[in-house]
Amino acid sequence: MPICLPTMDSFRRYIYVKYRLLLKVLEFVNIALCQYFKNTCQVMNRKINRVMHLVEVHELYIFFKGKFDDLNTERLRMAIRANETDAKLFYFDPKSLDWDDYFVNNHIPGLVKFVIR
C-alpha cells in the first residue's frame, strides 16, 4: 500500500526513520566487524542519497497542491479547427497521440538518460 506524505519534511522524517537509522546501525556494525559491510554501506548510502536528490529536484511537482486543466489547450484546438489553413499547417490533435507509447519510449527513457544519471 503506497504511503502518501504531504510535505518534504515528512518525507525526510520517513526516510530517516525507515532507512537512515538502519544504515547508521549497519555502519556501527561495520566498524565493529572491521569494515566487513563497507561496500553494502556505501551502496545503500548512495541509493538513499540518489532518492533524496531526485525527490528534491522534483519537490515542486511532487508536493504541488494545484489543480490542472486543459482549458487553454481545448481553446487552441477549437481555434485551429475553425481555420482550415491553420488546421493543416499545425495539425494539433493530442487525442491522436499514443500516450502509452510516448511515455514508455520517450518520456521515461528521457528521464533515465537526463535526470537519473
PDB file of N, CA and C in Angstrom:
ATOM      1  N   MET A   1       0.844  -1.176   0.000  1.00  0.00           N
ATOM      2  CA  MET A   1       0.000   0.000   0.000  1.00  0.00           C
ATOM      3  C   MET A   1       0.894   1.244   0.000  1.00  0.00           C
ATOM      4  N   PRO A   2       0.705   2.147  -0.945  1.00  0.00           N
ATOM      5  CA  PRO A   2       1.571   3.328  -1.026  1.00  0.00           C
ATOM      6  C   PRO A   2       1.367   4.263   0.162  1.00  0.00           C
ATOM      7  N   ILE A   3       2.431   4.949   0.500  1.00  0.00           N
ATOM      8  CA  ILE A   3       2.388   5.917   1.593  1.00  0.00           C
ATOM      9  C   ILE A   3       2.371   7.305   0.977  1.00  0.00           C
ATOM     10  N   CYS A   4       1.406   8.120   1.364  1.00  0.00           N
ATOM     11  CA  CYS A   4       1.306   9.492   0.866  1.00  0.00           C
ATOM     12  C   CYS A   4       1.779  10.438   1.954  1.00  0.00           C
ATOM     13  N   LEU A   5       2.813  11.190   1.652  1.00  0.00           N
ATOM     14  CA  LEU A   5       3.362  12.142   2.611  1.00  0.00           C
ATOM     15  C   LEU A   5       3.093  13.555   2.103  1.00  0.00           C
ATOM     16  N   PRO A   6       2.532  14.421   2.946  1.00  0.00           N
ATOM     17  CA  PRO A   6       2.074  15.729   2.472  1.00  0.00           C
ATOM     18  C   PRO A   6       3.162  16.779   2.276  1.00  0.00           C
ATOM     19  N   THR A   7       4.309  16.630   2.948  1.00  0.00           N
ATOM     20  CA  THR A   7       5.351  17.659   2.849  1.00  0.00           C
ATOM     21  C   THR A   7       6.718  17.014   2.680  1.00  0.00           C
ATOM     22  N   MET A   8       7.670  17.845   2.275  1.00  0.00           N
ATOM     23  CA  MET A   8       9.041  17.379   2.123  1.00  0.00           C
ATOM     24  C   MET A   8       9.625  17.001   3.487  1.00  0.00           C
ATOM     25  N   ASP A   9       9.288  17.757   4.520  1.00  0.00           N
ATOM     26  CA  ASP A   9       9.784  17.432   5.862  1.00  0.00           C
ATOM     27  C   ASP A   9       9.283  16.068   6.324  1.00  0.00           C
ATOM     28  N   SER A  10       8.025  15.769   6.058  1.00  0.00           N
ATOM     29  CA  SER A  10       7.500  14.457   6.446  1.00  0.00           C
ATOM     30  C   SER A  10       8.193  13.348   5.651  1.00  0.00           C
ATOM     31  N   PHE A  11       8.534  13.623   4.391  1.00  0.00           N
ATOM     32  CA  PHE A  11       9.264  12.642   3.591  1.00  0.00           C
ATOM     33  C   PHE A  11      10.660  12.419   4.167  1.00  0.00           C
ATOM     34  N   ARG A  12      11.337  13.514   4.530  1.00  0.00           N
ATOM     35  CA  ARG A  12      12.676  13.386   5.121  1.00  0.00           C
ATOM     36  C   ARG A  12      12.629  12.579   6.423  1.00  0.00           C
ATOM     37  N   ARG A  13      11.637  12.862   7.259  1.00  0.00           N
ATOM     38  CA  ARG A  13      11.496  12.106   8.513  1.00  0.00           C
ATOM     39  C   ARG A  13      11.249  10.623   8.225  1.00  0.00           C
ATOM     40  N   TYR A  14      10.404  10.350   7.250  1.00  0.00           N
ATOM     41  CA  TYR A  14      10.109   8.964   6.886  1.00  0.00           C
ATOM     42  C   TYR A  14      11.382   8.243   6.428  1.00  0.00           C
ATOM     43  N   ILE A  15      12.143   8.873   5.556  1.00  0.00           N
ATOM     44  CA  ILE A  15      13.388   8.274   5.055  1.00  0.00           C
ATOM     45  C   ILE A  15      14.371   8.068   6.200  1.00  0.00           C
ATOM     46  N   TYR A  16      14.441   9.048   7.103  1.00  0.00           N
ATOM     47  CA  TYR A  16      15.370   8.930   8.225  1.00  0.00           C
ATOM     48  C   TYR A  16      15.004   7.736   9.111  1.00  0.00           C
ATOM     49  N   VAL A  17      13.741   7.663   9.479  1.00  0.00           N
ATOM     50  CA  VAL A  17      13.302   6.592  10.380  1.00  0.00           C
ATOM     51  C   VAL A  17      13.372   5.228   9.695  1.00  0.00           C
ATOM     52  N   LYS A  18      12.945   5.175   8.452  1.00  0.00           N
ATOM     53  CA  LYS A  18      12.837   3.886   7.753  1.00  0.00           C
ATOM     54  C   LYS A  18      14.189   3.376   7.226  1.00  0.00           C
ATOM     55  N   TYR A  19      15.071   4.291   6.774  1.00  0.00           N
ATOM     56  CA  TYR A  19      16.291   3.850   6.101  1.00  0.00           C
ATOM     57  C   TYR A  19      17.582   4.359   6.736  1.00  0.00           C
ATOM     58  N   ARG A  20      17.650   5.632   7.058  1.00  0.00           N
ATOM     59  CA  ARG A  20      18.908   6.187   7.578  1.00  0.00           C
ATOM     60  C   ARG A  20      19.286   5.585   8.927  1.00  0.00           C
ATOM     61  N   LEU A  21      18.311   5.382   9.813  1.00  0.00           N
ATOM     62  CA  LEU A  21      18.632   4.776  11.111  1.00  0.00           C
ATOM     63  C   LEU A  21      19.187   3.366  10.937  1.00  0.00           C
ATOM     64  N   LEU A  22      18.571   2.600  10.039  1.00  0.00           N
ATOM     65  CA  LEU A  22      19.084   1.249   9.775  1.00  0.00           C
ATOM     66  C   LEU A  22      20.491   1.302   9.186  1.00  0.00           C
ATOM     67  N   LEU A  23      20.725   2.274   8.326  1.00  0.00           N
ATOM     68  CA  LEU A  23      22.062   2.426   7.755  1.00  0.00           C
ATOM     69  C   LEU A  23      23.068   2.802   8.840  1.00  0.00           C
ATOM     70  N   LYS A  24      22.672   3.652   9.781  1.00  0.00           N
ATOM     71  CA  LYS A  24      23.565   4.024  10.889  1.00  0.00           C
ATOM     72  C   LYS A  24      23.911   2.790  11.730  1.00  0.00           C
ATOM     73  N   VAL A  25      22.925   1.942  11.983  1.00  0.00           N
ATOM     74  CA  VAL A  25      23.178   0.703  12.730  1.00  0.00           C
ATOM     75  C   VAL A  25      24.144  -0.184  11.947  1.00  0.00           C
ATOM     76  N   LEU A  26      23.906  -0.309  10.651  1.00  0.00           N
ATOM     77  CA  LEU A  26      24.790  -1.124   9.814  1.00  0.00           C
ATOM     78  C   LEU A  26      26.204  -0.551   9.795  1.00  0.00           C
ATOM     79  N   GLU A  27      26.329   0.774   9.753  1.00  0.00           N
ATOM     80  CA  GLU A  27      27.660   1.399   9.788  1.00  0.00           C
ATOM     81  C   GLU A  27      28.363   1.113  11.115  1.00  0.00           C
ATOM     82  N   PHE A  28      27.613   1.140  12.209  1.00  0.00           N
ATOM     83  CA  PHE A  28      28.188   0.813  13.519  1.00  0.00           C
ATOM     84  C   PHE A  28      28.665  -0.643  13.550  1.00  0.00           C
ATOM     85  N   VAL A  29      27.827  -1.548  13.055  1.00  0.00           N
ATOM     86  CA  VAL A  29      28.207  -2.964  12.980  1.00  0.00           C
ATOM     87  C   VAL A  29      29.410  -3.125  12.057  1.00  0.00           C
ATOM     88  N   ASN A  30      29.440  -2.375  10.989  1.00  0.00           N
ATOM     89  CA  ASN A  30      30.553  -2.406  10.041  1.00  0.00           C
ATOM     90  C   ASN A  30      31.862  -2.046  10.736  1.00  0.00           C
ATOM     91  N   ILE A  31      31.828  -1.018  11.576  1.00  0.00           N
ATOM     92  CA  ILE A  31      33.033  -0.619  12.313  1.00  0.00           C
ATOM     93  C   ILE A  31      33.448  -1.740  13.269  1.00  0.00           C
ATOM     94  N   ALA A  32      32.469  -2.318  13.955  1.00  0.00           N
ATOM     95  CA  ALA A  32      32.769  -3.394  14.909  1.00  0.00           C
ATOM     96  C   ALA A  32      33.333  -4.630  14.214  1.00  0.00           C
ATOM     97  N   LEU A  33      32.934  -4.856  12.968  1.00  0.00           N
ATOM     98  CA  LEU A  33      33.394  -6.042  12.232  1.00  0.00           C
ATOM     99  C   LEU A  33      34.502  -5.716  11.233  1.00  0.00           C
ATOM    100  N   CYS A  34      35.263  -4.680  11.514  1.00  0.00           N
ATOM    101  CA  CYS A  34      36.445  -4.323  10.706  1.00  0.00           C
ATOM    102  C   CYS A  34      36.101  -4.123   9.230  1.00  0.00           C
ATOM    103  N   GLN A  35      35.090  -3.322   8.961  1.00  0.00           N
ATOM    104  CA  GLN A  35      34.702  -2.923   7.598  1.00  0.00           C
ATOM    105  C   GLN A  35      34.161  -4.077   6.745  1.00  0.00           C
ATOM    106  N   TYR A  36      33.579  -5.080   7.377  1.00  0.00           N
ATOM    107  CA  TYR A  36      33.033  -6.222   6.646  1.00  0.00           C
ATOM    108  C   TYR A  36      31.878  -5.808   5.727  1.00  0.00           C
ATOM    109  N   PHE A  37      31.082  -4.829   6.152  1.00  0.00           N
ATOM    110  CA  PHE A  37      29.925  -4.376   5.376  1.00  0.00           C
ATOM    111  C   PHE A  37      30.185  -3.047   4.665  1.00  0.00           C
ATOM    112  N   LYS A  38      31.441  -2.728   4.424  1.00  0.00           N
ATOM    113  CA  LYS A  38      31.800  -1.429   3.843  1.00  0.00           C
ATOM    114  C   LYS A  38      31.090  -1.185   2.513  1.00  0.00           C
ATOM    115  N   ASN A  39      31.160  -2.145   1.595  1.00  0.00           N
ATOM    116  CA  ASN A  39      30.534  -1.972   0.275  1.00  0.00           C
ATOM    117  C   ASN A  39      29.018  -1.835   0.386  1.00  0.00           C
ATOM    118  N   THR A  40      28.411  -2.642   1.240  1.00  0.00           N
ATOM    119  CA  THR A  40      26.960  -2.566   1.433  1.00  0.00           C
ATOM    120  C   THR A  40      26.564  -1.193   1.957  1.00  0.00           C
ATOM    121  N   CYS A  41      27.321  -0.688   2.921  1.00  0.00           N
ATOM    122  CA  CYS A  41      27.037   0.650   3.473  1.00  0.00           C
ATOM    123  C   CYS A  41      27.153   1.722   2.396  1.00  0.00           C
ATOM    124  N   GLN A  42      28.197   1.644   1.594  1.00  0.00           N
ATOM    125  CA  GLN A  42      28.390   2.640   0.537  1.00  0.00           C
ATOM    126  C   GLN A  42      27.271   2.583  -0.496  1.00  0.00           C
ATOM    127  N   VAL A  43      26.898   1.387  -0.911  1.00  0.00           N
ATOM    128  CA  VAL A  43      25.828   1.232  -1.904  1.00  0.00           C
ATOM    129  C   VAL A  43      24.510   1.754  -1.353  1.00  0.00           C
ATOM    130  N   MET A  44      24.183   1.380  -0.129  1.00  0.00           N
ATOM    131  CA  MET A  44      22.926   1.838   0.477  1.00  0.00           C
ATOM    132  C   MET A  44      22.914   3.357   0.649  1.00  0.00           C
ATOM    133  N   ASN A  45      24.028   3.921   1.071  1.00  0.00           N
ATOM    134  CA  ASN A  45      24.114   5.372   1.241  1.00  0.00           C
ATOM    135  C   ASN A  45      23.932   6.085  -0.096  1.00  0.00           C
ATOM    136  N   ARG A  46      24.549   5.548  -1.141  1.00  0.00           N
ATOM    137  CA  ARG A  46      24.386   6.136  -2.482  1.00  0.00           C
ATOM    138  C   ARG A  46      22.941   6.069  -2.941  1.00  0.00           C
ATOM    139  N   LYS A  47      22.285   4.949  -2.704  1.00  0.00           N
ATOM    140  CA  LYS A  47      20.883   4.798  -3.117  1.00  0.00           C
ATOM    141  C   LYS A  47      19.985   5.781  -2.377  1.00  0.00           C
ATOM    142  N   ILE A  48      20.175   5.908  -1.082  1.00  0.00           N
ATOM    143  CA  ILE A  48      19.368   6.855  -0.301  1.00  0.00           C
ATOM    144  C   ILE A  48      19.617   8.277  -0.785  1.00  0.00           C
ATOM    145  N   ASN A  49      20.885   8.613  -1.011  1.00  0.00           N
ATOM    146  CA  ASN A  49      21.211   9.968  -1.488  1.00  0.00           C
ATOM    147  C   ASN A  49      20.621  10.230  -2.866  1.00  0.00           C
ATOM    148  N   ARG A  50      20.615   9.231  -3.724  1.00  0.00           N
ATOM    149  CA  ARG A  50      20.043   9.395  -5.064  1.00  0.00           C
ATOM    150  C   ARG A  50      18.537   9.646  -4.988  1.00  0.00           C
ATOM    151  N   VAL A  51      17.858   8.876  -4.169  1.00  0.00           N
ATOM    152  CA  VAL A  51      16.416   9.077  -3.995  1.00  0.00           C
ATOM    153  C   VAL A  51      16.144  10.467  -3.435  1.00  0.00           C
ATOM    154  N   MET A  52      16.908  10.873  -2.438  1.00  0.00           N
ATOM    155  CA  MET A  52      16.707  12.198  -1.847  1.00  0.00           C
ATOM    156  C   MET A  52      16.955  13.290  -2.884  1.00  0.00           C
ATOM    157  N   HIS A  53      17.980  13.114  -3.698  1.00  0.00           N
ATOM    158  CA  HIS A  53      18.266  14.105  -4.747  1.00  0.00           C
ATOM    159  C   HIS A  53      17.110  14.191  -5.743  1.00  0.00           C
ATOM    160  N   LEU A  54      16.614  13.048  -6.183  1.00  0.00           N
ATOM    161  CA  LEU A  54      15.506  13.044  -7.142  1.00  0.00           C
ATOM    162  C   LEU A  54      14.256  13.690  -6.559  1.00  0.00           C
ATOM    163  N   VAL A  55      13.968  13.397  -5.312  1.00  0.00           N
ATOM    164  CA  VAL A  55      12.786  13.992  -4.682  1.00  0.00           C
ATOM    165  C   VAL A  55      12.975  15.497  -4.525  1.00  0.00           C
ATOM    166  N   GLU A  56      14.176  15.938  -4.158  1.00  0.00           N
ATOM    167  CA  GLU A  56      14.429  17.377  -4.025  1.00  0.00           C
ATOM    168  C   GLU A  56      14.318  18.082  -5.374  1.00  0.00           C
ATOM    169  N   VAL A  57      14.810  17.452  -6.428  1.00  0.00           N
ATOM    170  CA  VAL A  57      14.713  18.048  -7.765  1.00  0.00           C
ATOM    171  C   VAL A  57      13.257  18.180  -8.194  1.00  0.00           C
ATOM    172  N   HIS A  58      12.456  17.185  -7.873  1.00  0.00           N
ATOM    173  CA  HIS A  58      11.053  17.163  -8.299  1.00  0.00           C
ATOM    174  C   HIS A  58      10.082  17.608  -7.205  1.00  0.00           C
ATOM    175  N   GLU A  59      10.609  18.198  -6.144  1.00  0.00           N
ATOM    176  CA  GLU A  59       9.779  18.584  -4.997  1.00  0.00           C
ATOM    177  C   GLU A  59       8.595  19.461  -5.387  1.00  0.00           C
ATOM    178  N   LEU A  60       8.827  20.419  -6.250  1.00  0.00           N
ATOM    179  CA  LEU A  60       7.750  21.328  -6.640  1.00  0.00           C
ATOM    180  C   LEU A  60       6.596  20.597  -7.314  1.00  0.00           C
ATOM    181  N   TYR A  61       6.902  19.538  -8.034  1.00  0.00           N
ATOM    182  CA  TYR A  61       5.861  18.783  -8.730  1.00  0.00           C
ATOM    183  C   TYR A  61       5.217  17.731  -7.825  1.00  0.00           C
ATOM    184  N   ILE A  62       6.023  17.124  -6.972  1.00  0.00           N
ATOM    185  CA  ILE A  62       5.523  16.055  -6.110  1.00  0.00           C
ATOM    186  C   ILE A  62       4.559  16.594  -5.057  1.00  0.00           C
ATOM    187  N   PHE A  63       4.915  17.728  -4.465  1.00  0.00           N
ATOM    188  CA  PHE A  63       4.118  18.263  -3.360  1.00  0.00           C
ATOM    189  C   PHE A  63       3.247  19.440  -3.785  1.00  0.00           C
ATOM    190  N   PHE A  64       3.071  19.628  -5.078  1.00  0.00           N
ATOM    191  CA  PHE A  64       2.250  20.725  -5.597  1.00  0.00           C
ATOM    192  C   PHE A  64       0.783  20.439  -5.330  1.00  0.00           C
ATOM    193  N   LYS A  65       0.086  21.412  -4.774  1.00  0.00           N
ATOM    194  CA  LYS A  65      -1.314  21.216  -4.399  1.00  0.00           C
ATOM    195  C   LYS A  65      -2.289  21.792  -5.428  1.00  0.00           C
ATOM    196  N   GLY A  66      -1.761  22.311  -6.529  1.00  0.00           N
ATOM    197  CA  GLY A  66      -2.625  22.941  -7.521  1.00  0.00           C
ATOM    198  C   GLY A  66      -3.408  21.933  -8.337  1.00  0.00           C
ATOM    199  N   LYS A  67      -4.319  22.457  -9.101  1.00  0.00           N
ATOM    200  CA  LYS A  67      -5.124  21.632  -9.998  1.00  0.00           C
ATOM    201  C   LYS A  67      -4.847  22.071 -11.427  1.00  0.00           C
ATOM    202  N   PHE A  68      -4.794  21.111 -12.300  1.00  0.00           N
ATOM    203  CA  PHE A  68      -4.518  21.388 -13.696  1.00  0.00           C
ATOM    204  C   PHE A  68      -5.778  21.160 -14.520  1.00  0.00           C
ATOM    205  N   ASP A  69      -5.929  21.965 -15.546  1.00  0.00           N
ATOM    206  CA  ASP A  69      -6.994  21.699 -16.507  1.00  0.00           C
ATOM    207  C   ASP A  69      -6.450  21.969 -17.903  1.00  0.00           C
ATOM    208  N   ASP A  70      -7.192  21.551 -18.886  1.00  0.00           N
ATOM    209  CA  ASP A  70      -6.744  21.707 -20.269  1.00  0.00           C
ATOM    210  C   ASP A  70      -7.590  22.730 -21.019  1.00  0.00           C
ATOM    211  N   LEU A  71      -8.119  23.722 -20.300  1.00  0.00           N
ATOM    212  CA  LEU A  71      -8.991  24.716 -20.917  1.00  0.00           C
ATOM    213  C   LEU A  71      -8.280  25.472 -22.044  1.00  0.00           C
ATOM    214  N   ASN A  72      -7.046  25.918 -21.801  1.00  0.00           N
ATOM    215  CA  ASN A  72      -6.319  26.651 -22.843  1.00  0.00           C
ATOM    216  C   ASN A  72      -6.002  25.756 -24.042  1.00  0.00           C
ATOM    217  N   THR A  73      -5.672  24.511 -23.774  1.00  0.00           N
ATOM    218  CA  THR A  73      -5.408  23.577 -24.869  1.00  0.00           C
ATOM    219  C   THR A  73      -6.668  23.345 -25.688  1.00  0.00           C
ATOM    220  N   GLU A  74      -7.777  23.197 -25.001  1.00  0.00           N
ATOM    221  CA  GLU A  74      -9.052  22.992 -25.703  1.00  0.00           C
ATOM    222  C   GLU A  74      -9.414  24.223 -26.532  1.00  0.00           C
ATOM    223  N   ARG A  75      -9.179  25.415 -26.006  1.00  0.00           N
ATOM    224  CA  ARG A  75      -9.434  26.647 -26.772  1.00  0.00           C
ATOM    225  C   ARG A  75      -8.555  26.698 -28.025  1.00  0.00           C
ATOM    226  N   LEU A  76      -7.306  26.291 -27.881  1.00  0.00           N
ATOM    227  CA  LEU A  76      -6.406  26.261 -29.036  1.00  0.00           C
ATOM    228  C   LEU A  76      -6.908  25.272 -30.081  1.00  0.00           C
ATOM    229  N   ARG A  77      -7.343  24.098 -29.642  1.00  0.00           N
ATOM    230  CA  ARG A  77      -7.886  23.120 -30.595  1.00  0.00           C
ATOM    231  C   ARG A  77      -9.091  23.671 -31.335  1.00  0.00           C
ATOM    232  N   MET A  78      -9.970  24.358 -30.634  1.00  0.00           N
ATOM    233  CA  MET A  78     -11.172  24.930 -31.262  1.00  0.00           C
ATOM    234  C   MET A  78     -10.801  26.033 -32.250  1.00  0.00           C
ATOM    235  N   ALA A  79      -9.827  26.857 -31.876  1.00  0.00           N
ATOM    236  CA  ALA A  79      -9.400  27.936 -32.768  1.00  0.00           C
ATOM    237  C   ALA A  79      -8.783  27.371 -34.043  1.00  0.00           C
ATOM    238  N   ILE A  80      -8.008  26.314 -33.913  1.00  0.00           N
ATOM    239  CA  ILE A  80      -7.387  25.703 -35.087  1.00  0.00           C
ATOM    240  C   ILE A  80      -8.444  25.017 -35.949  1.00  0.00           C
ATOM    241  N   ARG A  81      -9.414  24.365 -35.327  1.00  0.00           N
ATOM    242  CA  ARG A  81     -10.491  23.724 -36.086  1.00  0.00           C
ATOM    243  C   ARG A  81     -11.283  24.735 -36.906  1.00  0.00           C
ATOM    244  N   ALA A  82     -11.411  25.939 -36.376  1.00  0.00           N
ATOM    245  CA  ALA A  82     -12.205  26.969 -37.055  1.00  0.00           C
ATOM    246  C   ALA A  82     -11.527  27.460 -38.328  1.00  0.00           C
ATOM    247  N   ASN A  83     -10.217  27.299 -38.414  1.00  0.00           N
ATOM    248  CA  ASN A  83      -9.473  27.781 -39.574  1.00  0.00           C
ATOM    249  C   ASN A  83      -8.809  26.581 -40.253  1.00  0.00           C
ATOM    250  N   GLU A  84      -9.288  26.213 -41.420  1.00  0.00           N
ATOM    251  CA  GLU A  84      -8.793  25.030 -42.144  1.00  0.00           C
ATOM    252  C   GLU A  84      -7.304  25.140 -42.470  1.00  0.00           C
ATOM    253  N   THR A  85      -6.842  26.334 -42.827  1.00  0.00           N
ATOM    254  CA  THR A  85      -5.422  26.527 -43.155  1.00  0.00           C
ATOM    255  C   THR A  85      -4.552  26.239 -41.939  1.00  0.00           C
ATOM    256  N   ASP A  86      -4.941  26.795 -40.782  1.00  0.00           N
ATOM    257  CA  ASP A  86      -4.182  26.543 -39.558  1.00  0.00           C
ATOM    258  C   ASP A  86      -4.227  25.066 -39.174  1.00  0.00           C
ATOM    259  N   ALA A  87      -5.372  24.441 -39.364  1.00  0.00           N
ATOM    260  CA  ALA A  87      -5.511  23.030 -39.012  1.00  0.00           C
ATOM    261  C   ALA A  87      -4.541  22.170 -39.817  1.00  0.00           C
ATOM    262  N   LYS A  88      -4.381  22.468 -41.087  1.00  0.00           N
ATOM    263  CA  LYS A  88      -3.447  21.702 -41.920  1.00  0.00           C
ATOM    264  C   LYS A  88      -2.000  22.044 -41.592  1.00  0.00           C
ATOM    265  N   LEU A  89      -1.746  23.313 -41.280  1.00  0.00           N
ATOM    266  CA  LEU A  89      -0.383  23.769 -41.005  1.00  0.00           C
ATOM    267  C   LEU A  89       0.142  23.214 -39.678  1.00  0.00           C
ATOM    268  N   PHE A  90      -0.662  23.292 -38.626  1.00  0.00           N
ATOM    269  CA  PHE A  90      -0.185  22.917 -37.294  1.00  0.00           C
ATOM    270  C   PHE A  90      -0.540  21.489 -36.891  1.00  0.00           C
ATOM    271  N   TYR A  91      -1.579  20.922 -37.432  1.00  0.00           N
ATOM    272  CA  TYR A  91      -2.069  19.586 -37.103  1.00  0.00           C
ATOM    273  C   TYR A  91      -1.952  19.325 -35.599  1.00  0.00           C
ATOM    274  N   PHE A  92      -2.760  20.014 -34.851  1.00  0.00           N
ATOM    275  CA  PHE A  92      -2.746  19.929 -33.391  1.00  0.00           C
ATOM    276  C   PHE A  92      -3.915  19.079 -32.915  1.00  0.00           C
ATOM    277  N   ASP A  93      -3.643  17.802 -32.647  1.00  0.00           N
ATOM    278  CA  ASP A  93      -4.678  16.912 -32.131  1.00  0.00           C
ATOM    279  C   ASP A  93      -4.054  15.955 -31.116  1.00  0.00           C
ATOM    280  N   PRO A  94      -4.007  16.354 -29.828  1.00  0.00           N
ATOM    281  CA  PRO A  94      -3.378  15.497 -28.816  1.00  0.00           C
ATOM    282  C   PRO A  94      -4.093  14.163 -28.623  1.00  0.00           C
ATOM    283  N   LYS A  95      -5.340  14.064 -29.052  1.00  0.00           N
ATOM    284  CA  LYS A  95      -6.064  12.797 -28.921  1.00  0.00           C
ATOM    285  C   LYS A  95      -5.513  11.740 -29.875  1.00  0.00           C
ATOM    286  N   SER A  96      -4.801  12.183 -30.905  1.00  0.00           N
ATOM    287  CA  SER A  96      -4.260  11.225 -31.870  1.00  0.00           C
ATOM    288  C   SER A  96      -2.948  10.600 -31.392  1.00  0.00           C
ATOM    289  N   LEU A  97      -2.383  11.111 -30.301  1.00  0.00           N
ATOM    290  CA  LEU A  97      -1.124  10.563 -29.790  1.00  0.00           C
ATOM    291  C   LEU A  97      -1.373   9.255 -29.040  1.00  0.00           C
ATOM    292  N   ASP A  98      -0.447   8.343 -29.187  1.00  0.00           N
ATOM    293  CA  ASP A  98      -0.468   7.109 -28.408  1.00  0.00           C
ATOM    294  C   ASP A  98       0.319   7.394 -27.130  1.00  0.00           C
ATOM    295  N   TRP A  99      -0.388   7.803 -26.074  1.00  0.00           N
ATOM    296  CA  TRP A  99       0.264   8.275 -24.853  1.00  0.00           C
ATOM    297  C   TRP A  99       1.042   7.164 -24.161  1.00  0.00           C
ATOM    298  N   ASP A 100       0.555   5.943 -24.186  1.00  0.00           N
ATOM    299  CA  ASP A 100       1.294   4.833 -23.572  1.00  0.00           C
ATOM    300  C   ASP A 100       2.643   4.654 -24.259  1.00  0.00           C
ATOM    301  N   ASP A 101       2.630   4.664 -25.587  1.00  0.00           N
ATOM    302  CA  ASP A 101       3.860   4.541 -26.356  1.00  0.00           C
ATOM    303  C   ASP A 101       4.792   5.712 -26.069  1.00  0.00           C
ATOM    304  N   TYR A 102       4.244   6.917 -25.989  1.00  0.00           N
ATOM    305  CA  TYR A 102       5.061   8.106 -25.716  1.00  0.00           C
ATOM    306  C   TYR A 102       5.778   7.972 -24.374  1.00  0.00           C
ATOM    307  N   PHE A 103       5.041   7.597 -23.322  1.00  0.00           N
ATOM    308  CA  PHE A 103       5.663   7.506 -22.006  1.00  0.00           C
ATOM    309  C   PHE A 103       6.704   6.398 -21.952  1.00  0.00           C
ATOM    310  N   VAL A 104       6.396   5.247 -22.530  1.00  0.00           N
ATOM    311  CA  VAL A 104       7.316   4.112 -22.465  1.00  0.00           C
ATOM    312  C   VAL A 104       8.560   4.345 -23.318  1.00  0.00           C
ATOM    313  N   ASN A 105       8.402   4.898 -24.514  1.00  0.00           N
ATOM    314  CA  ASN A 105       9.524   5.001 -25.447  1.00  0.00           C
ATOM    315  C   ASN A 105      10.189   6.369 -25.506  1.00  0.00           C
ATOM    316  N   ASN A 106       9.575   7.413 -24.930  1.00  0.00           N
ATOM    317  CA  ASN A 106      10.173   8.742 -24.987  1.00  0.00           C
ATOM    318  C   ASN A 106      10.388   9.357 -23.606  1.00  0.00           C
ATOM    319  N   HIS A 107       9.306   9.504 -22.866  1.00  0.00           N
ATOM    320  CA  HIS A 107       9.368  10.243 -21.612  1.00  0.00           C
ATOM    321  C   HIS A 107      10.250   9.551 -20.566  1.00  0.00           C
ATOM    322  N   ILE A 108       9.973   8.294 -20.292  1.00  0.00           N
ATOM    323  CA  ILE A 108      10.732   7.579 -19.259  1.00  0.00           C
ATOM    324  C   ILE A 108      12.195   7.379 -19.662  1.00  0.00           C
ATOM    325  N   PRO A 109      12.509   6.989 -20.912  1.00  0.00           N
ATOM    326  CA  PRO A 109      13.925   6.917 -21.285  1.00  0.00           C
ATOM    327  C   PRO A 109      14.630   8.276 -21.177  1.00  0.00           C
ATOM    328  N   GLY A 110      13.910   9.360 -21.477  1.00  0.00           N
ATOM    329  CA  GLY A 110      14.496  10.695 -21.320  1.00  0.00           C
ATOM    330  C   GLY A 110      14.800  11.014 -19.869  1.00  0.00           C
ATOM    331  N   LEU A 111      13.886  10.651 -18.979  1.00  0.00           N
ATOM    332  CA  LEU A 111      14.139  10.847 -17.548  1.00  0.00           C
ATOM    333  C   LEU A 111      15.356  10.049 -17.101  1.00  0.00           C
ATOM    334  N   VAL A 112      15.420   8.799 -17.535  1.00  0.00           N
ATOM    335  CA  VAL A 112      16.542   7.949 -17.147  1.00  0.00           C
ATOM    336  C   VAL A 112      17.853   8.525 -17.670  1.00  0.00           C
ATOM    337  N   LYS A 113      17.854   8.993 -18.902  1.00  0.00           N
ATOM    338  CA  LYS A 113      19.085   9.483 -19.516  1.00  0.00           C
ATOM    339  C   LYS A 113      19.527  10.834 -18.961  1.00  0.00           C
ATOM    340  N   PHE A 114      18.591  11.758 -18.755  1.00  0.00           N
ATOM    341  CA  PHE A 114      18.972  13.121 -18.417  1.00  0.00           C
ATOM    342  C   PHE A 114      18.749  13.511 -16.960  1.00  0.00           C
ATOM    343  N   VAL A 115      17.923  12.791 -16.228  1.00  0.00           N
ATOM    344  CA  VAL A 115      17.631  13.178 -14.849  1.00  0.00           C
ATOM    345  C   VAL A 115      18.234  12.196 -13.852  1.00  0.00           C
ATOM    346  N   ILE A 116      18.103  10.913 -14.111  1.00  0.00           N
ATOM    347  CA  ILE A 116      18.538   9.890 -13.156  1.00  0.00           C
ATOM    348  C   ILE A 116      19.941   9.403 -13.502  1.00  0.00           C
ATOM    349  N   ARG A 117      20.801  10.266 -13.800  1.00  0.00           N
ATOM    350  CA  ARG A 117      22.162   9.873 -14.198  1.00  0.00           C
ATOM    351  C   ARG A 117      22.910   9.243 -13.075  1.00  0.00           C
TER     352      ARG A 117
END
